[in-house]
């Protein structure tokens, strides 16, 4: 399924979910894994956040997130709906 829509973008809108099920949308800077083409099924996007941030806490409770390309203020370029799994590393 790939991430071709993110080519040339700097920010993604990350929607994480509270325990109540309500979504919280946050624009975050991201980097793509240069070893894989963004259109390929092996493509990966990475975002960094402090371990005590709200989004990090929500991902610990519910690893399912939705993402879409956006600008730095969170204005979407397309639809928020790409379903992904948030993983914690480090």
Foldseek 3Di string as FASTA:
>chain_A
DFQVQCPPFFWKWKWFADPVRDTDTAIFGKDKDPVDDRRDPPIDIDTDDDCPDPRNVRCVVPQKIWMAGDHNVRHGPDDTDHIDGHDDDD
